Amino acid sequence: QVQLVESGGGLVQAGGSLRLSCAASGRTFSSYAMAWFRQAPGKEREFVAAIGWSGGYTYYADSVKGRFTISGDNAKNTVYLQMNSLKPEDTAVYYCAEVGKYSRGSSLFSDSTYDYWGQGTQVTVSS
């Protein structure tokens, strides 16, 4: 029932910035957390960043700490990913994901935890 739509991807030179957005609709219960994952060709999908709505806690993969910032508005069912100092290795399809209802024992760093996924938006960083 929940639908996520990403936007904001594109082509940027190394060192540049992009801001991704994810809008959710159709929610019937409060979201526990939302996150961004990414997947490069030939590689597994990997965790990028997450935000837990309660307390506003944020979490980042080591590879993006200090460069990316996740933020959002739970009331608007919207999450953002500000990406600065982009590197060629950041090139990937970026996916927005949502935990509809938290189950004890789940990890926000695991893609299996998430119930809903967007279609993805391409980010390409040139050298």
Protein backbone atom coordinates (compact mmCIF):
# COMPACT_ATOMS: atom_id res chain seq x y z
CA GLN A 1 0.00 0.00 0.00
CA VAL A 2 2.90 2.36 0.72
CA GLN A 3 4.57 3.84 -2.34
CA LEU A 4 7.96 5.57 -2.36
CA VAL A 5 9.17 7.82 -5.17
CA GLU A 6 12.76 9.06 -5.39
CA SER A 7 13.96 12.10 -7.31
CA GLY A 8 17.02 14.32 -7.60
CA GLY A 9 19.53 11.99 -9.19
CA GLY A 10 21.71 13.03 -12.07
CA LEU A 11 25.21 13.47 -13.45
CA VAL A 12 27.73 15.46 -11.45
CA GLN A 13 31.49 15.93 -11.43
CA ALA A 14 33.62 14.66 -8.59
CA GLY A 15 33.50 17.08 -5.68
CA GLY A 16 30.02 18.25 -6.56
CA SER A 17 26.74 17.91 -4.70
CA LEU A 18 23.28 16.45 -5.20
CA ARG A 19 20.18 16.31 -3.05
CA LEU A 20 17.90 13.31 -3.30
CA SER A 21 14.29 13.33 -2.18
CA CYS A 22 11.90 10.52 -1.36
CA ALA A 23 8.18 11.06 -1.02
CA ALA A 24 6.01 8.38 0.55
CA SER A 25 2.28 7.95 0.13
CA GLY A 26 -0.40 5.54 1.19
CA ARG A 27 0.88 5.01 4.72
CA THR A 28 -1.66 3.53 7.11
CA PHE A 29 0.49 3.42 10.23
CA SER A 30 3.43 5.32 11.69
CA SER A 31 6.83 4.67 10.12
CA TYR A 32 9.65 3.54 12.37
CA ALA A 33 12.47 4.58 10.06
CA MET A 34 13.44 5.45 6.52
CA ALA A 35 16.73 4.88 4.76
CA TRP A 36 18.77 5.15 1.63
CA PHE A 37 20.53 2.22 0.01
CA ARG A 38 22.52 2.13 -3.20
CA GLN A 39 23.53 -0.47 -5.74
CA ALA A 40 26.27 -0.21 -8.34
CA PRO A 41 26.39 -2.50 -11.40
CA GLY A 42 27.64 -5.95 -10.47
CA LYS A 43 27.59 -5.21 -6.76
CA GLU A 44 25.24 -5.96 -3.91
CA ARG A 45 22.90 -3.35 -2.54
CA GLU A 46 24.52 -1.53 0.37
CA PHE A 47 23.35 0.61 3.23
CA VAL A 48 24.00 4.35 2.94
CA ALA A 49 22.07 6.18 5.65
CA ALA A 50 18.98 5.87 7.83
CA ILE A 51 16.87 8.07 10.04
CA GLY A 52 14.85 6.85 12.99
CA TRP A 53 11.90 9.14 13.41
CA SER A 54 11.69 8.74 17.16
CA GLY A 55 14.42 11.01 18.50
CA GLY A 56 15.61 11.86 15.01
CA TYR A 57 18.57 9.48 15.21
CA THR A 58 20.65 9.20 12.08
CA TYR A 59 23.02 6.48 10.95
CA TYR A 60 25.61 6.42 8.18
CA ALA A 61 27.82 3.98 6.39
CA ASP A 62 31.49 4.66 7.07
CA SER A 63 32.05 5.41 3.39
CA VAL A 64 29.75 8.45 3.46
CA LYS A 65 30.24 9.86 6.97
CA GLY A 66 31.09 13.54 6.87
CA ARG A 67 29.88 13.88 3.29
CA PHE A 68 26.22 12.82 3.28
CA THR A 69 23.39 14.03 5.49
CA ILE A 70 20.02 12.36 5.85
CA SER A 71 17.06 14.39 7.01
CA GLY A 72 13.32 14.31 6.74
CA ASP A 73 9.88 15.25 7.87
CA ASN A 74 7.91 12.33 9.25
CA ALA A 75 4.68 14.33 9.18
CA LYS A 76 5.14 14.79 5.44
CA ASN A 77 6.44 11.27 4.86
CA THR A 78 9.49 12.72 3.16
CA VAL A 79 13.19 11.95 3.49
CA TYR A 80 16.20 13.65 1.90
CA LEU A 81 19.81 12.79 1.27
CA GLN A 82 22.20 15.69 0.85
CA MET A 83 25.34 14.41 -0.85
CA ASN A 84 28.45 16.58 -0.83
CA SER A 85 32.02 15.99 -1.97
CA LEU A 86 30.82 13.27 -4.30
CA LYS A 87 33.28 10.68 -5.51
CA PRO A 88 33.18 8.39 -8.56
CA GLU A 89 32.67 5.43 -6.23
CA ASP A 90 29.36 6.98 -5.16
CA THR A 91 27.99 6.18 -8.61
CA ALA A 92 24.99 3.88 -8.18
CA VAL A 93 21.24 3.63 -8.25
CA TYR A 94 19.98 5.06 -4.98
CA TYR A 95 16.90 3.55 -3.39
CA CYS A 96 14.65 4.91 -0.70
CA ALA A 97 13.28 2.41 1.80
CA GLU A 98 10.90 2.41 4.73
CA VAL A 99 10.30 0.25 7.78
CA GLY A 100 6.53 0.22 8.12
CA LYS A 101 6.50 -1.22 11.60
CA TYR A 102 9.55 -2.20 13.58
CA SER A 103 10.04 -5.81 14.60
CA ARG A 104 12.30 -6.40 17.56
CA GLY A 105 15.61 -7.85 16.48
CA SER A 106 15.72 -6.12 13.12
CA SER A 107 18.69 -4.00 12.06
CA LEU A 108 18.37 -0.71 10.22
CA PHE A 109 21.58 -1.58 8.38
CA SER A 110 20.05 -4.62 6.70
CA ASP A 111 17.94 -4.28 3.57
CA SER A 112 15.81 -7.22 4.69
CA THR A 113 14.46 -5.05 7.50
CA TYR A 114 12.67 -2.71 5.11
CA ASP A 115 9.13 -3.28 3.94
CA TYR A 116 8.78 -0.76 1.13
CA TRP A 117 11.13 0.38 -1.63
CA GLY A 118 11.19 3.08 -4.27
CA GLN A 119 12.05 2.55 -7.92
CA GLY A 120 15.50 4.09 -7.55
CA THR A 121 17.22 7.16 -8.96
CA GLN A 122 20.53 7.11 -10.83
CA VAL A 123 23.50 9.05 -9.48
CA THR A 124 26.56 9.25 -11.70
CA VAL A 125 29.76 10.95 -10.56
CA SER A 126 32.39 11.60 -13.21
CA SER A 127 36.12 11.97 -12.58
